[in-house]
Amino acid sequence: MQLHHLHQTRFWAPIVKPDSFRLLAGESELTEYLFNTKKNRHLFCKHCGVRSFGIGNSPESGGLSYGVSVTCLENVEPQELIDAPITYVDGRHNNWDLAPPETRHL
């Protein structure tokens, strides 16, 4: 089995437009990493490495948007997460607008 480090972490992130995102604190404690195409910004905690959110700018996805890791949201009830719609994307094959052929393991 060949491992791809980018696929070893899950980033379950609802996508929101800039007017729906507000970072309340801690901006100075974040560091940025640009993967592969270097067009999407991924922000991590400098101390623990948690990927809290990312900033993308894709015409296919409607322009500038924020992906916020659900594990970093406070005061979210479990039922809200259960009821939230899920959109799968095939990052393994860089088909970000398509679901992977198999999702049962996700």
N, C-alpha and C. Protein backbone atom coordinates (compact mmCIF):
# COMPACT_ATOMS: atom_id res chain seq x y z
N MET A 1 0.85 -1.17 0.00
CA MET A 1 0.00 0.00 0.00
C MET A 1 0.89 1.23 0.00
N GLN A 2 0.61 2.15 -0.88
CA GLN A 2 1.33 3.41 -0.94
C GLN A 2 0.52 4.46 -0.19
N LEU A 3 1.19 5.19 0.69
CA LEU A 3 0.51 6.21 1.48
C LEU A 3 0.76 7.59 0.88
N HIS A 4 -0.27 8.39 0.90
CA HIS A 4 -0.19 9.77 0.45
C HIS A 4 -0.51 10.63 1.66
N HIS A 5 0.46 11.38 2.16
CA HIS A 5 0.28 12.10 3.41
C HIS A 5 -0.88 13.09 3.38
N LEU A 6 -1.22 13.63 2.24
CA LEU A 6 -2.33 14.58 2.19
C LEU A 6 -3.67 13.91 2.44
N HIS A 7 -3.74 12.61 2.26
CA HIS A 7 -5.00 11.89 2.42
C HIS A 7 -5.12 11.25 3.79
N GLN A 8 -4.12 11.42 4.64
CA GLN A 8 -4.15 10.77 5.94
C GLN A 8 -4.88 11.60 7.00
N THR A 9 -5.14 12.83 6.72
CA THR A 9 -5.91 13.64 7.66
C THR A 9 -7.23 14.00 7.00
N ARG A 10 -8.25 14.02 7.81
CA ARG A 10 -9.56 14.40 7.28
C ARG A 10 -9.83 15.85 7.63
N PHE A 11 -10.35 16.55 6.68
CA PHE A 11 -10.69 17.96 6.88
C PHE A 11 -12.16 18.08 6.52
N TRP A 12 -13.01 17.83 7.49
CA TRP A 12 -14.45 17.92 7.27
C TRP A 12 -14.85 19.37 7.47
N ALA A 13 -15.08 20.03 6.35
CA ALA A 13 -15.23 21.48 6.43
C ALA A 13 -16.44 21.98 5.67
N PRO A 14 -17.41 22.55 6.39
CA PRO A 14 -18.47 23.26 5.69
C PRO A 14 -17.86 24.47 4.98
N ILE A 15 -18.35 24.76 3.80
CA ILE A 15 -17.85 25.87 3.00
C ILE A 15 -18.80 27.06 3.18
N VAL A 16 -18.21 28.20 3.50
CA VAL A 16 -19.01 29.41 3.69
C VAL A 16 -18.37 30.57 2.91
N LYS A 17 -19.18 31.53 2.57
CA LYS A 17 -18.71 32.73 1.88
C LYS A 17 -18.08 33.69 2.91
N PRO A 18 -17.24 34.61 2.46
CA PRO A 18 -16.55 35.52 3.39
C PRO A 18 -17.46 36.27 4.36
N ASP A 19 -18.65 36.64 3.94
CA ASP A 19 -19.53 37.38 4.85
C ASP A 19 -20.11 36.51 5.95
N SER A 20 -19.91 35.18 5.87
CA SER A 20 -20.38 34.27 6.92
C SER A 20 -19.26 33.75 7.80
N PHE A 21 -18.05 34.26 7.60
CA PHE A 21 -16.89 33.82 8.38
C PHE A 21 -16.31 34.99 9.16
N ARG A 22 -16.02 34.74 10.43
CA ARG A 22 -15.37 35.75 11.25
C ARG A 22 -14.44 35.04 12.23
N LEU A 23 -13.15 35.29 12.12
CA LEU A 23 -12.17 34.75 13.05
C LEU A 23 -12.18 35.64 14.28
N LEU A 24 -12.51 35.08 15.42
CA LEU A 24 -12.69 35.88 16.63
C LEU A 24 -11.37 36.16 17.36
N ALA A 25 -10.43 35.23 17.29
CA ALA A 25 -9.17 35.41 18.02
C ALA A 25 -8.14 34.43 17.48
N GLY A 26 -6.88 34.70 17.79
CA GLY A 26 -5.82 33.74 17.51
C GLY A 26 -5.15 33.82 16.16
N GLU A 27 -5.42 34.86 15.38
CA GLU A 27 -4.83 34.94 14.04
C GLU A 27 -3.30 34.89 14.09
N SER A 28 -2.70 35.50 15.09
CA SER A 28 -1.24 35.52 15.20
C SER A 28 -0.67 34.14 15.55
N GLU A 29 -1.52 33.22 15.97
CA GLU A 29 -1.08 31.88 16.34
C GLU A 29 -1.22 30.88 15.19
N LEU A 30 -1.59 31.38 14.02
CA LEU A 30 -1.78 30.51 12.86
C LEU A 30 -0.59 30.62 11.91
N THR A 31 -0.34 29.54 11.23
CA THR A 31 0.65 29.54 10.17
C THR A 31 -0.01 28.99 8.92
N GLU A 32 0.50 29.37 7.78
CA GLU A 32 -0.14 29.03 6.50
C GLU A 32 0.70 28.02 5.73
N TYR A 33 0.02 27.12 5.05
CA TYR A 33 0.69 26.20 4.14
C TYR A 33 -0.09 26.17 2.83
N LEU A 34 0.64 26.15 1.73
CA LEU A 34 0.03 26.08 0.40
C LEU A 34 0.38 24.73 -0.21
N PHE A 35 -0.61 23.88 -0.40
CA PHE A 35 -0.41 22.57 -1.02
C PHE A 35 -0.33 22.71 -2.53
N ASN A 36 0.21 21.75 -3.18
CA ASN A 36 0.17 21.47 -4.62
C ASN A 36 0.05 22.71 -5.51
N THR A 37 -1.16 23.14 -5.84
CA THR A 37 -1.34 24.25 -6.79
C THR A 37 -1.04 25.61 -6.17
N LYS A 38 -0.94 25.65 -4.85
CA LYS A 38 -0.63 26.87 -4.10
C LYS A 38 -1.67 27.98 -4.26
N LYS A 39 -2.88 27.60 -4.62
CA LYS A 39 -3.92 28.63 -4.75
C LYS A 39 -4.89 28.65 -3.58
N ASN A 40 -4.90 27.58 -2.78
CA ASN A 40 -5.76 27.54 -1.60
C ASN A 40 -4.89 27.64 -0.35
N ARG A 41 -5.28 28.51 0.57
CA ARG A 41 -4.53 28.73 1.80
C ARG A 41 -5.06 27.82 2.90
N HIS A 42 -4.18 27.07 3.54
CA HIS A 42 -4.54 26.19 4.65
C HIS A 42 -3.89 26.75 5.90
N LEU A 43 -4.69 27.01 6.92
CA LEU A 43 -4.18 27.62 8.14
C LEU A 43 -4.16 26.61 9.28
N PHE A 44 -3.02 26.56 9.96
CA PHE A 44 -2.77 25.60 11.03
C PHE A 44 -2.36 26.34 12.30
N CYS A 45 -2.66 25.75 13.44
CA CYS A 45 -2.18 26.27 14.71
C CYS A 45 -0.66 26.05 14.77
N LYS A 46 0.10 27.09 15.11
CA LYS A 46 1.56 26.99 15.20
C LYS A 46 2.01 26.04 16.30
N HIS A 47 1.15 25.80 17.28
CA HIS A 47 1.54 25.03 18.46
C HIS A 47 1.15 23.56 18.38
N CYS A 48 -0.05 23.28 17.92
CA CYS A 48 -0.51 21.89 17.93
C CYS A 48 -0.68 21.30 16.53
N GLY A 49 -0.67 22.13 15.50
CA GLY A 49 -0.77 21.64 14.13
C GLY A 49 -2.18 21.40 13.62
N VAL A 50 -3.20 21.72 14.41
CA VAL A 50 -4.58 21.52 13.96
C VAL A 50 -4.87 22.44 12.78
N ARG A 51 -5.46 21.86 11.73
CA ARG A 51 -5.88 22.65 10.57
C ARG A 51 -7.29 23.16 10.85
N SER A 52 -7.38 24.42 11.21
CA SER A 52 -8.66 24.97 11.64
C SER A 52 -9.55 25.42 10.50
N PHE A 53 -8.95 26.02 9.48
CA PHE A 53 -9.75 26.45 8.34
C PHE A 53 -8.84 26.69 7.15
N GLY A 54 -9.46 26.81 5.99
CA GLY A 54 -8.74 27.10 4.77
C GLY A 54 -9.49 28.14 3.97
N ILE A 55 -8.77 28.78 3.06
CA ILE A 55 -9.37 29.81 2.22
C ILE A 55 -9.12 29.43 0.78
N GLY A 56 -10.19 29.26 0.03
CA GLY A 56 -10.08 28.89 -1.38
C GLY A 56 -10.63 29.97 -2.27
N ASN A 57 -10.19 29.96 -3.50
CA ASN A 57 -10.70 30.92 -4.47
C ASN A 57 -10.82 30.22 -5.81
N SER A 58 -11.96 29.55 -5.99
CA SER A 58 -12.18 28.76 -7.18
C SER A 58 -13.40 29.26 -7.94
N PRO A 59 -13.24 29.63 -9.19
CA PRO A 59 -14.41 30.05 -9.98
C PRO A 59 -15.48 28.95 -10.05
N GLU A 60 -15.03 27.68 -10.07
CA GLU A 60 -15.98 26.55 -10.13
C GLU A 60 -16.84 26.47 -8.88
N SER A 61 -16.29 26.93 -7.75
CA SER A 61 -17.03 26.87 -6.49
C SER A 61 -17.61 28.21 -6.08
N GLY A 62 -17.63 29.17 -7.00
CA GLY A 62 -18.26 30.45 -6.72
C GLY A 62 -17.34 31.52 -6.18
N GLY A 63 -16.03 31.37 -6.35
CA GLY A 63 -15.10 32.41 -5.91
C GLY A 63 -14.57 32.15 -4.51
N LEU A 64 -14.25 33.23 -3.82
CA LEU A 64 -13.64 33.15 -2.50
C LEU A 64 -14.57 32.47 -1.50
N SER A 65 -14.02 31.51 -0.75
CA SER A 65 -14.80 30.82 0.27
C SER A 65 -13.88 30.31 1.37
N TYR A 66 -14.47 30.03 2.51
CA TYR A 66 -13.76 29.51 3.67
C TYR A 66 -14.26 28.11 3.96
N GLY A 67 -13.35 27.21 4.24
CA GLY A 67 -13.70 25.87 4.71
C GLY A 67 -13.28 25.77 6.16
N VAL A 68 -14.22 25.58 7.06
CA VAL A 68 -13.95 25.57 8.49
C VAL A 68 -14.10 24.15 9.01
N SER A 69 -13.05 23.65 9.66
CA SER A 69 -13.10 22.29 10.20
C SER A 69 -14.18 22.19 11.27
N VAL A 70 -15.08 21.23 11.13
CA VAL A 70 -16.17 21.11 12.11
C VAL A 70 -15.64 20.80 13.51
N THR A 71 -14.46 20.20 13.60
CA THR A 71 -13.91 19.90 14.92
C THR A 71 -13.44 21.16 15.65
N CYS A 72 -13.34 22.27 14.96
CA CYS A 72 -12.91 23.53 15.58
C CYS A 72 -14.08 24.44 15.93
N LEU A 73 -15.29 24.03 15.62
CA LEU A 73 -16.46 24.85 15.93
C LEU A 73 -16.88 24.63 17.38
N GLU A 74 -17.17 25.71 18.06
CA GLU A 74 -17.64 25.62 19.43
C GLU A 74 -19.15 25.78 19.47
N ASN A 75 -19.77 25.19 20.49
CA ASN A 75 -21.21 25.32 20.73
C ASN A 75 -22.06 24.76 19.60
N VAL A 76 -21.57 23.74 18.93
CA VAL A 76 -22.36 23.07 17.90
C VAL A 76 -22.94 21.80 18.52
N GLU A 77 -24.24 21.67 18.42
CA GLU A 77 -24.90 20.48 18.95
C GLU A 77 -24.66 19.29 18.02
N PRO A 78 -24.48 18.10 18.56
CA PRO A 78 -24.29 16.92 17.71
C PRO A 78 -25.38 16.76 16.65
N GLN A 79 -26.61 17.08 17.00
CA GLN A 79 -27.70 16.92 16.03
C GLN A 79 -27.52 17.84 14.83
N GLU A 80 -26.95 19.03 15.04
CA GLU A 80 -26.68 19.93 13.92
C GLU A 80 -25.71 19.29 12.93
N LEU A 81 -24.70 18.61 13.45
CA LEU A 81 -23.74 17.94 12.58
C LEU A 81 -24.36 16.73 11.89
N ILE A 82 -25.18 16.02 12.61
CA ILE A 82 -25.87 14.85 12.04
C ILE A 82 -26.78 15.27 10.90
N ASP A 83 -27.47 16.39 11.06
CA ASP A 83 -28.42 16.86 10.06
C ASP A 83 -27.78 17.60 8.88
N ALA A 84 -26.52 17.96 9.03
CA ALA A 84 -25.87 18.74 7.97
C ALA A 84 -25.67 17.89 6.72
N PRO A 85 -25.86 18.48 5.55
CA PRO A 85 -25.63 17.73 4.31
C PRO A 85 -24.14 17.45 4.13
N ILE A 86 -23.85 16.34 3.47
CA ILE A 86 -22.47 15.95 3.21
C ILE A 86 -22.22 15.99 1.71
N THR A 87 -21.13 16.63 1.33
CA THR A 87 -20.69 16.64 -0.06
C THR A 87 -19.31 16.01 -0.11
N TYR A 88 -19.17 14.92 -0.82
CA TYR A 88 -17.88 14.26 -0.96
C TYR A 88 -17.16 14.83 -2.17
N VAL A 89 -15.83 15.02 -2.03
CA VAL A 89 -15.01 15.45 -3.16
C VAL A 89 -13.86 14.47 -3.32
N ASP A 90 -13.45 14.26 -4.54
CA ASP A 90 -12.39 13.30 -4.84
C ASP A 90 -11.04 14.01 -4.92
N GLY A 91 -10.49 14.32 -3.75
CA GLY A 91 -9.20 14.98 -3.68
C GLY A 91 -8.06 14.08 -4.11
N ARG A 92 -8.21 12.79 -3.94
CA ARG A 92 -7.16 11.85 -4.32
C ARG A 92 -6.81 12.00 -5.80
N HIS A 93 -7.82 12.27 -6.62
CA HIS A 93 -7.61 12.38 -8.07
C HIS A 93 -7.77 13.82 -8.56
N ASN A 94 -7.74 14.78 -7.62
CA ASN A 94 -7.90 16.20 -7.94
C ASN A 94 -9.20 16.49 -8.70
N ASN A 95 -10.23 15.74 -8.41
CA ASN A 95 -11.57 15.99 -8.97
C ASN A 95 -12.41 16.64 -7.87
N TRP A 96 -12.12 17.89 -7.60
CA TRP A 96 -12.71 18.57 -6.46
C TRP A 96 -14.20 18.87 -6.63
N ASP A 97 -14.71 18.73 -7.82
CA ASP A 97 -16.13 18.97 -8.05
C ASP A 97 -16.92 17.67 -8.18
N LEU A 98 -16.24 16.53 -8.00
CA LEU A 98 -16.90 15.23 -8.13
C LEU A 98 -16.69 14.40 -6.87
N ALA A 99 -17.65 13.56 -6.58
CA ALA A 99 -17.49 12.62 -5.47
C ALA A 99 -16.58 11.48 -5.91
N PRO A 100 -15.84 10.87 -4.97
CA PRO A 100 -15.04 9.71 -5.33
C PRO A 100 -15.96 8.55 -5.70
N PRO A 101 -15.45 7.57 -6.45
CA PRO A 101 -16.30 6.46 -6.86
C PRO A 101 -16.82 5.63 -5.69
N GLU A 102 -16.13 5.63 -4.56
CA GLU A 102 -16.55 4.86 -3.38
C GLU A 102 -16.50 5.77 -2.15
N THR A 103 -17.59 5.81 -1.37
CA THR A 103 -17.63 6.66 -0.19
C THR A 103 -17.98 5.90 1.08
N ARG A 104 -18.21 4.59 1.00
CA ARG A 104 -18.66 3.87 2.19
C ARG A 104 -17.64 3.93 3.33
N HIS A 105 -16.37 4.01 3.03
CA HIS A 105 -15.34 4.05 4.06
C HIS A 105 -15.13 5.44 4.65
N LEU A 106 -15.75 6.42 4.06
CA LEU A 106 -15.59 7.78 4.54
C LEU A 106 -16.58 8.09 5.63
